[in-house]
PDB file of all heavy atoms in Angstrom:
ATOM      1  N   PRO A   1      64.854  17.761 127.677  1.00  0.00           N
ATOM      2  CA  PRO A   1      66.201  17.365 128.152  1.00  0.00           C
ATOM      3  C   PRO A   1      66.445  17.966 129.476  1.00  0.00           C
ATOM      4  O   PRO A   1      65.857  18.973 129.874  1.00  0.00           O
ATOM      5  CB  PRO A   1      67.051  17.981 127.082  1.00  0.00           C
ATOM      6  CG  PRO A   1      66.238  18.882 126.267  1.00  0.00           C
ATOM      7  CD  PRO A   1      64.842  18.527 126.513  1.00  0.00           C
ATOM      8  N   VAL A   2      67.283  17.247 130.156  1.00  0.00           N
ATOM      9  CA  VAL A   2      67.653  17.717 131.586  1.00  0.00           C
ATOM     10  C   VAL A   2      68.367  19.102 131.526  1.00  0.00           C
ATOM     11  O   VAL A   2      69.126  19.282 130.673  1.00  0.00           O
ATOM     12  CB  VAL A   2      68.568  16.659 132.225  1.00  0.00           C
ATOM     13  CG1 VAL A   2      69.026  17.149 133.594  1.00  0.00           C
ATOM     14  CG2 VAL A   2      67.817  15.369 132.265  1.00  0.00           C
ATOM     15  N   GLY A   3      68.020  19.962 132.351  1.00  0.00           N
ATOM     16  CA  GLY A   3      68.672  21.194 132.407  1.00  0.00           C
ATOM     17  C   GLY A   3      68.066  22.285 131.426  1.00  0.00           C
ATOM     18  O   GLY A   3      68.494  23.443 131.284  1.00  0.00           O
ATOM     19  N   SER A   4      67.046  21.994 130.690  1.00  0.00           N
ATOM     20  CA  SER A   4      66.338  22.966 129.801  1.00  0.00           C
ATOM     21  C   SER A   4      65.538  23.999 130.580  1.00  0.00           C
ATOM     22  O   SER A   4      64.999  23.591 131.634  1.00  0.00           O
ATOM     23  CB  SER A   4      65.484  22.258 128.696  1.00  0.00           C
ATOM     24  OG  SER A   4      64.364  21.757 129.321  1.00  0.00           O
ATOM     25  N   ASP A   5      65.647  25.150 130.135  1.00  0.00           N
ATOM     26  CA  ASP A   5      64.917  26.279 130.823  1.00  0.00           C
ATOM     27  C   ASP A   5      63.500  26.374 130.245  1.00  0.00           C
ATOM     28  O   ASP A   5      63.418  26.825 129.078  1.00  0.00           O
ATOM     29  CB  ASP A   5      65.806  27.590 130.787  1.00  0.00           C
ATOM     30  CG  ASP A   5      65.211  28.610 131.649  1.00  0.00           C
ATOM     31  OD1 ASP A   5      64.343  28.325 132.472  1.00  0.00           O
ATOM     32  OD2 ASP A   5      65.653  29.776 131.500  1.00  0.00           O
ATOM     33  N   PRO A   6      62.439  26.256 130.988  1.00  0.00           N
ATOM     34  CA  PRO A   6      61.105  26.356 130.443  1.00  0.00           C
ATOM     35  C   PRO A   6      60.646  27.816 130.355  1.00  0.00           C
ATOM     36  O   PRO A   6      59.708  28.104 129.699  1.00  0.00           O
ATOM     37  CB  PRO A   6      60.195  25.591 131.402  1.00  0.00           C
ATOM     38  CG  PRO A   6      60.951  25.711 132.712  1.00  0.00           C
ATOM     39  CD  PRO A   6      62.475  25.691 132.342  1.00  0.00           C
ATOM     40  N   ALA A   7      61.425  28.723 131.039  1.00  0.00           N
ATOM     41  CA  ALA A   7      61.105  30.161 130.991  1.00  0.00           C
ATOM     42  C   ALA A   7      61.379  30.682 129.568  1.00  0.00           C
ATOM     43  O   ALA A   7      62.453  30.398 129.011  1.00  0.00           O
ATOM     44  CB  ALA A   7      61.830  30.951 132.035  1.00  0.00           C
ATOM     45  N   PRO A   8      60.509  31.607 129.062  1.00  0.00           N
ATOM     46  CA  PRO A   8      60.763  32.266 127.766  1.00  0.00           C
ATOM     47  C   PRO A   8      61.938  33.220 127.959  1.00  0.00           C
ATOM     48  O   PRO A   8      62.221  33.683 129.011  1.00  0.00           O
ATOM     49  CB  PRO A   8      59.505  32.987 127.436  1.00  0.00           C
ATOM     50  CG  PRO A   8      58.784  33.275 128.781  1.00  0.00           C
ATOM     51  CD  PRO A   8      59.258  32.105 129.587  1.00  0.00           C
ATOM     52  N   ARG A   9      62.595  33.531 126.884  1.00  0.00           N
ATOM     53  CA  ARG A   9      63.783  34.365 126.860  1.00  0.00           C
ATOM     54  C   ARG A   9      63.236  35.793 127.084  1.00  0.00           C
ATOM     55  O   ARG A   9      62.227  36.284 126.442  1.00  0.00           O
ATOM     56  CB  ARG A   9      64.427  34.325 125.479  1.00  0.00           C
ATOM     57  CG  ARG A   9      65.682  35.102 125.488  1.00  0.00           C
ATOM     58  CD  ARG A   9      66.343  35.015 124.065  1.00  0.00           C
ATOM     59  NE  ARG A   9      67.526  35.904 124.003  1.00  0.00           N
ATOM     60  CZ  ARG A   9      68.745  35.506 123.595  1.00  0.00           C
ATOM     61  NH1 ARG A   9      68.809  34.349 123.195  1.00  0.00           N
ATOM     62  NH2 ARG A   9      69.601  36.382 123.711  1.00  0.00           N
ATOM     63  N   PRO A  10      63.941  36.586 128.022  1.00  0.00           N
ATOM     64  CA  PRO A  10      63.418  37.915 128.276  1.00  0.00           C
ATOM     65  C   PRO A  10      63.541  38.799 127.129  1.00  0.00           C
ATOM     66  O   PRO A  10      64.432  38.649 126.219  1.00  0.00           O
ATOM     67  CB  PRO A  10      64.393  38.395 129.408  1.00  0.00           C
ATOM     68  CG  PRO A  10      65.483  37.438 129.532  1.00  0.00           C
ATOM     69  CD  PRO A  10      65.048  36.207 128.796  1.00  0.00           C
ATOM     70  N   LYS A  11      62.690  39.780 127.021  1.00  0.00           N
ATOM     71  CA  LYS A  11      62.637  40.695 125.909  1.00  0.00           C
ATOM     72  C   LYS A  11      63.243  41.967 126.320  1.00  0.00           C
ATOM     73  O   LYS A  11      62.971  42.511 127.427  1.00  0.00           O
ATOM     74  CB  LYS A  11      61.200  41.007 125.528  1.00  0.00           C
ATOM     75  CG  LYS A  11      60.890  40.753 124.157  1.00  0.00           C
ATOM     76  CD  LYS A  11      59.395  40.922 123.816  1.00  0.00           C
ATOM     77  CE  LYS A  11      59.297  41.855 122.569  1.00  0.00           C
ATOM     78  NZ  LYS A  11      58.005  42.123 122.295  1.00  0.00           N
ATOM     79  N   ARG A  12      63.947  42.669 125.522  1.00  0.00           N
ATOM     80  CA  ARG A  12      64.580  44.056 125.837  1.00  0.00           C
ATOM     81  C   ARG A  12      63.450  45.047 125.904  1.00  0.00           C
ATOM     82  O   ARG A  12      62.573  45.110 125.012  1.00  0.00           O
ATOM     83  CB  ARG A  12      65.649  44.314 124.796  1.00  0.00           C
ATOM     84  CG  ARG A  12      66.335  45.639 124.994  1.00  0.00           C
ATOM     85  CD  ARG A  12      67.268  45.962 123.914  1.00  0.00           C
ATOM     86  NE  ARG A  12      68.375  45.037 123.952  1.00  0.00           N
ATOM     87  CZ  ARG A  12      69.591  45.260 124.455  1.00  0.00           C
ATOM     88  NH1 ARG A  12      69.766  46.360 125.158  1.00  0.00           N
ATOM     89  NH2 ARG A  12      70.468  44.302 124.476  1.00  0.00           N
ATOM     90  N   ARG A  13      63.524  45.921 126.859  1.00  0.00           N
ATOM     91  CA  ARG A  13      62.569  46.951 126.893  1.00  0.00           C
ATOM     92  C   ARG A  13      62.818  48.102 125.974  1.00  0.00           C
ATOM     93  O   ARG A  13      63.948  48.366 125.588  1.00  0.00           O
ATOM     94  CB  ARG A  13      62.483  47.622 128.318  1.00  0.00           C
ATOM     95  CG  ARG A  13      62.081  46.805 129.373  1.00  0.00           C
ATOM     96  CD  ARG A  13      61.777  47.364 130.658  1.00  0.00           C
ATOM     97  NE  ARG A  13      62.515  48.505 130.963  1.00  0.00           N
ATOM     98  CZ  ARG A  13      62.376  49.332 132.029  1.00  0.00           C
ATOM     99  NH1 ARG A  13      61.604  48.922 133.051  1.00  0.00           N
ATOM    100  NH2 ARG A  13      62.940  50.437 132.273  1.00  0.00           N
ATOM    101  N   THR A  14      61.716  48.648 125.347  1.00  0.00           N
ATOM    102  CA  THR A  14      61.962  49.780 124.362  1.00  0.00           C
ATOM    103  C   THR A  14      61.158  51.012 125.027  1.00  0.00           C
ATOM    104  O   THR A  14      60.032  50.754 125.579  1.00  0.00           O
ATOM    105  CB  THR A  14      61.445  49.397 122.998  1.00  0.00           C
ATOM    106  OG1 THR A  14      60.071  48.975 123.155  1.00  0.00           O
ATOM    107  CG2 THR A  14      62.342  48.285 122.485  1.00  0.00           C
ATOM    108  N   PHE A  15      61.613  52.074 124.672  1.00  0.00           N
ATOM    109  CA  PHE A  15      60.959  53.403 125.257  1.00  0.00           C
ATOM    110  C   PHE A  15      60.590  54.265 123.979  1.00  0.00           C
ATOM    111  O   PHE A  15      61.414  54.491 123.222  1.00  0.00           O
ATOM    112  CB  PHE A  15      61.898  54.013 126.163  1.00  0.00           C
ATOM    113  CG  PHE A  15      62.394  53.108 127.225  1.00  0.00           C
ATOM    114  CD1 PHE A  15      63.735  52.787 127.241  1.00  0.00           C
ATOM    115  CD2 PHE A  15      61.550  52.927 128.336  1.00  0.00           C
ATOM    116  CE1 PHE A  15      64.188  51.893 128.281  1.00  0.00           C
ATOM    117  CE2 PHE A  15      62.102  52.058 129.360  1.00  0.00           C
ATOM    118  CZ  PHE A  15      63.318  51.495 129.329  1.00  0.00           C
ATOM    119  N   THR A  16      59.447  54.884 124.069  1.00  0.00           N
ATOM    120  CA  THR A  16      59.115  55.747 123.046  1.00  0.00           C
ATOM    121  C   THR A  16      59.730  57.084 123.309  1.00  0.00           C
ATOM    122  O   THR A  16      60.151  57.397 124.569  1.00  0.00           O
ATOM    123  CB  THR A  16      57.575  55.957 122.955  1.00  0.00           C
ATOM    124  OG1 THR A  16      57.145  56.499 124.147  1.00  0.00           O
ATOM    125  CG2 THR A  16      56.889  54.669 122.676  1.00  0.00           C
ATOM    126  N   SER A  17      59.725  57.980 122.384  1.00  0.00           N
ATOM    127  CA  SER A  17      60.499  59.398 122.568  1.00  0.00           C
ATOM    128  C   SER A  17      59.507  60.162 123.524  1.00  0.00           C
ATOM    129  O   SER A  17      60.097  60.849 124.385  1.00  0.00           O
ATOM    130  CB  SER A  17      60.675  60.010 121.244  1.00  0.00           C
ATOM    131  OG  SER A  17      59.455  60.201 120.581  1.00  0.00           O
ATOM    132  N   GLU A  18      58.278  59.971 123.394  1.00  0.00           N
ATOM    133  CA  GLU A  18      57.369  60.664 124.419  1.00  0.00           C
ATOM    134  C   GLU A  18      57.573  60.286 125.791  1.00  0.00           C
ATOM    135  O   GLU A  18      57.616  61.068 126.707  1.00  0.00           O
ATOM    136  CB  GLU A  18      55.902  60.432 123.939  1.00  0.00           C
ATOM    137  CG  GLU A  18      55.376  61.110 122.776  1.00  0.00           C
ATOM    138  CD  GLU A  18      55.887  60.220 121.448  1.00  0.00           C
ATOM    139  OE1 GLU A  18      56.045  59.018 121.667  1.00  0.00           O
ATOM    140  OE2 GLU A  18      55.875  60.720 120.359  1.00  0.00           O
ATOM    141  N   TYR A  19      57.750  58.934 126.114  1.00  0.00           N
ATOM    142  CA  TYR A  19      58.079  58.455 127.371  1.00  0.00           C
ATOM    143  C   TYR A  19      59.350  59.043 127.864  1.00  0.00           C
ATOM    144  O   TYR A  19      59.453  59.491 129.010  1.00  0.00           O
ATOM    145  CB  TYR A  19      58.102  56.895 127.363  1.00  0.00           C
ATOM    146  CG  TYR A  19      58.526  56.270 128.664  1.00  0.00           C
ATOM    147  CD1 TYR A  19      57.585  56.117 129.650  1.00  0.00           C
ATOM    148  CD2 TYR A  19      59.835  55.792 128.918  1.00  0.00           C
ATOM    149  CE1 TYR A  19      57.998  55.490 130.941  1.00  0.00           C
ATOM    150  CE2 TYR A  19      60.234  55.331 130.051  1.00  0.00           C
ATOM    151  CZ  TYR A  19      59.305  55.130 131.042  1.00  0.00           C
ATOM    152  OH  TYR A  19      59.650  54.560 132.223  1.00  0.00           O
ATOM    153  N   LYS A  20      60.436  59.005 127.103  1.00  0.00           N
ATOM    154  CA  LYS A  20      61.748  59.532 127.390  1.00  0.00           C
ATOM    155  C   LYS A  20      61.618  60.923 127.886  1.00  0.00           C
ATOM    156  O   LYS A  20      62.211  61.407 128.923  1.00  0.00           O
ATOM    157  CB  LYS A  20      62.723  59.367 126.228  1.00  0.00           C
ATOM    158  CG  LYS A  20      63.093  57.959 126.061  1.00  0.00           C
ATOM    159  CD  LYS A  20      63.908  57.739 124.891  1.00  0.00           C
ATOM    160  CE  LYS A  20      64.215  56.382 124.449  1.00  0.00           C
ATOM    161  NZ  LYS A  20      65.037  56.239 123.223  1.00  0.00           N
ATOM    162  N   LEU A  21      60.951  61.794 127.062  1.00  0.00           N
ATOM    163  CA  LEU A  21      60.800  63.229 127.405  1.00  0.00           C
ATOM    164  C   LEU A  21      60.070  63.414 128.647  1.00  0.00           C
ATOM    165  O   LEU A  21      60.421  64.292 129.515  1.00  0.00           O
ATOM    166  CB  LEU A  21      60.123  63.978 126.200  1.00  0.00           C
ATOM    167  CG  LEU A  21      60.973  64.039 125.022  1.00  0.00           C
ATOM    168  CD1 LEU A  21      60.083  64.620 123.841  1.00  0.00           C
ATOM    169  CD2 LEU A  21      62.229  64.971 125.168  1.00  0.00           C
ATOM    170  N   ARG A  22      58.973  62.625 128.844  1.00  0.00           N
ATOM    171  CA  ARG A  22      58.225  62.767 130.048  1.00  0.00           C
ATOM    172  C   ARG A  22      58.959  62.408 131.318  1.00  0.00           C
ATOM    173  O   ARG A  22      58.958  63.114 132.279  1.00  0.00           O
ATOM    174  CB  ARG A  22      56.962  61.768 130.014  1.00  0.00           C
ATOM    175  CG  ARG A  22      55.915  61.958 131.173  1.00  0.00           C
ATOM    176  CD  ARG A  22      54.808  61.059 131.095  1.00  0.00           C
ATOM    177  NE  ARG A  22      54.977  59.738 130.828  1.00  0.00           N
ATOM    178  CZ  ARG A  22      55.248  58.818 131.811  1.00  0.00           C
ATOM    179  NH1 ARG A  22      55.319  59.229 133.174  1.00  0.00           N
ATOM    180  NH2 ARG A  22      55.498  57.542 131.556  1.00  0.00           N
ATOM    181  N   ILE A  23      59.768  61.324 131.266  1.00  0.00           N
ATOM    182  CA  ILE A  23      60.565  60.910 132.380  1.00  0.00           C
ATOM    183  C   ILE A  23      61.695  61.940 132.678  1.00  0.00           C
ATOM    184  O   ILE A  23      61.955  62.256 133.783  1.00  0.00           O
ATOM    185  CB  ILE A  23      61.137  59.473 132.128  1.00  0.00           C
ATOM    186  CG1 ILE A  23      60.024  58.492 132.035  1.00  0.00           C
ATOM    187  CG2 ILE A  23      62.187  59.207 133.141  1.00  0.00           C
ATOM    188  CD1 ILE A  23      59.230  58.313 133.327  1.00  0.00           C
ATOM    189  N   VAL A  24      62.294  62.482 131.626  1.00  0.00           N
ATOM    190  CA  VAL A  24      63.363  63.533 131.955  1.00  0.00           C
ATOM    191  C   VAL A  24      62.710  64.719 132.573  1.00  0.00           C
ATOM    192  O   VAL A  24      63.277  65.310 133.648  1.00  0.00           O
ATOM    193  CB  VAL A  24      64.055  63.786 130.625  1.00  0.00           C
ATOM    194  CG1 VAL A  24      64.935  65.124 130.776  1.00  0.00           C
ATOM    195  CG2 VAL A  24      64.890  62.637 130.069  1.00  0.00           C
ATOM    196  N   ALA A  25      61.534  65.104 132.153  1.00  0.00           N
ATOM    197  CA  ALA A  25      60.866  66.249 132.688  1.00  0.00           C
ATOM    198  C   ALA A  25      60.467  65.873 134.143  1.00  0.00           C
ATOM    199  O   ALA A  25      60.730  66.781 135.121  1.00  0.00           O
ATOM    200  CB  ALA A  25      59.665  66.626 131.899  1.00  0.00           C
ATOM    201  N   GLU A  26      59.990  64.869 134.425  1.00  0.00           N
ATOM    202  CA  GLU A  26      59.566  64.473 135.805  1.00  0.00           C
ATOM    203  C   GLU A  26      60.704  64.290 136.624  1.00  0.00           C
ATOM    204  O   GLU A  26      60.793  64.746 137.775  1.00  0.00           O
ATOM    205  CB  GLU A  26      58.828  63.112 135.727  1.00  0.00           C
ATOM    206  CG  GLU A  26      58.277  62.637 137.032  1.00  0.00           C
ATOM    207  CD  GLU A  26      57.558  61.328 136.988  1.00  0.00           C
ATOM    208  OE1 GLU A  26      57.200  60.913 135.885  1.00  0.00           O
ATOM    209  OE2 GLU A  26      57.205  60.767 138.033  1.00  0.00           O
ATOM    210  N   TYR A  27      61.770  63.745 136.227  1.00  0.00           N
ATOM    211  CA  TYR A  27      63.115  63.587 136.966  1.00  0.00           C
ATOM    212  C   TYR A  27      63.671  64.951 137.310  1.00  0.00           C
ATOM    213  O   TYR A  27      64.081  65.215 138.449  1.00  0.00           O
ATOM    214  CB  TYR A  27      64.077  62.785 136.229  1.00  0.00           C
ATOM    215  CG  TYR A  27      65.386  62.593 136.896  1.00  0.00           C
ATOM    216  CD1 TYR A  27      65.420  61.480 137.832  1.00  0.00           C
ATOM    217  CD2 TYR A  27      66.518  63.205 136.804  1.00  0.00           C
ATOM    218  CE1 TYR A  27      66.669  61.236 138.536  1.00  0.00           C
ATOM    219  CE2 TYR A  27      67.663  62.999 137.418  1.00  0.00           C
ATOM    220  CZ  TYR A  27      67.700  62.028 138.300  1.00  0.00           C
ATOM    221  OH  TYR A  27      68.921  61.716 138.941  1.00  0.00           O
ATOM    222  N   ASP A  28      63.713  65.919 136.272  1.00  0.00           N
ATOM    223  CA  ASP A  28      64.308  67.225 136.581  1.00  0.00           C
ATOM    224  C   ASP A  28      63.438  68.006 137.519  1.00  0.00           C
ATOM    225  O   ASP A  28      63.852  68.888 138.307  1.00  0.00           O
ATOM    226  CB  ASP A  28      64.471  67.990 135.305  1.00  0.00           C
ATOM    227  CG  ASP A  28      65.586  67.338 134.388  1.00  0.00           C
ATOM    228  OD1 ASP A  28      66.380  66.607 134.843  1.00  0.00           O
ATOM    229  OD2 ASP A  28      65.521  67.674 133.173  1.00  0.00           O
ATOM    230  N   ALA A  29      62.055  67.799 137.533  1.00  0.00           N
ATOM    231  CA  ALA A  29      61.112  68.540 138.370  1.00  0.00           C
ATOM    232  C   ALA A  29      61.121  68.009 139.777  1.00  0.00           C
ATOM    233  O   ALA A  29      60.701  68.687 140.721  1.00  0.00           O
ATOM    234  CB  ALA A  29      59.706  68.462 137.741  1.00  0.00           C
ATOM    235  N   ALA A  30      61.541  66.795 140.014  1.00  0.00           N
ATOM    236  CA  ALA A  30      61.485  66.176 141.284  1.00  0.00           C
ATOM    237  C   ALA A  30      62.574  66.800 142.296  1.00  0.00           C
ATOM    238  O   ALA A  30      63.638  67.173 141.818  1.00  0.00           O
ATOM    239  CB  ALA A  30      61.724  64.668 141.198  1.00  0.00           C
ATOM    240  N   PRO A  31      62.072  66.981 143.535  1.00  0.00           N
ATOM    241  CA  PRO A  31      63.085  67.423 144.508  1.00  0.00           C
ATOM    242  C   PRO A  31      64.232  66.520 144.630  1.00  0.00           C
ATOM    243  O   PRO A  31      64.193  65.284 144.301  1.00  0.00           O
ATOM    244  CB  PRO A  31      62.259  67.446 145.768  1.00  0.00           C
ATOM    245  CG  PRO A  31      60.860  67.436 145.457  1.00  0.00           C
ATOM    246  CD  PRO A  31      60.795  66.749 144.015  1.00  0.00           C
ATOM    247  N   ARG A  32      65.386  67.054 145.118  1.00  0.00           N
ATOM    248  CA  ARG A  32      66.606  66.284 145.130  1.00  0.00           C
ATOM    249  C   ARG A  32      66.537  64.877 145.840  1.00  0.00           C
ATOM    250  O   ARG A  32      67.109  63.973 145.293  1.00  0.00           O
ATOM    251  CB  ARG A  32      67.674  67.095 145.725  1.00  0.00           C
ATOM    252  CG  ARG A  32      69.011  66.412 145.836  1.00  0.00           C
ATOM    253  CD  ARG A  32      70.057  67.520 146.449  1.00  0.00           C
ATOM    254  NE  ARG A  32      71.322  66.826 146.547  1.00  0.00           N
ATOM    255  CZ  ARG A  32      72.286  66.570 145.689  1.00  0.00           C
ATOM    256  NH1 ARG A  32      72.037  67.244 144.513  1.00  0.00           N
ATOM    257  NH2 ARG A  32      73.415  66.048 145.871  1.00  0.00           N
ATOM    258  N   ASN A  33      65.738  64.872 146.847  1.00  0.00           N
ATOM    259  CA  ASN A  33      65.650  63.561 147.607  1.00  0.00           C
ATOM    260  C   ASN A  33      64.588  62.643 147.011  1.00  0.00           C
ATOM    261  O   ASN A  33      64.456  61.579 147.524  1.00  0.00           O
ATOM    262  CB  ASN A  33      65.404  63.827 149.046  1.00  0.00           C
ATOM    263  CG  ASN A  33      64.141  64.615 149.296  1.00  0.00           C
ATOM    264  OD1 ASN A  33      63.448  65.083 148.358  1.00  0.00           O
ATOM    265  ND2 ASN A  33      63.651  64.708 150.553  1.00  0.00           N
TER     266      ASN A  33
END
């Protein structure tokens, strides 16, 4: 049909607890800038 979107519906990203802890530690350790 006209106007149909052939692209698949985007998927919500999920994060593991290990990833979250690693990112928080990396963010806190990074210099301010």
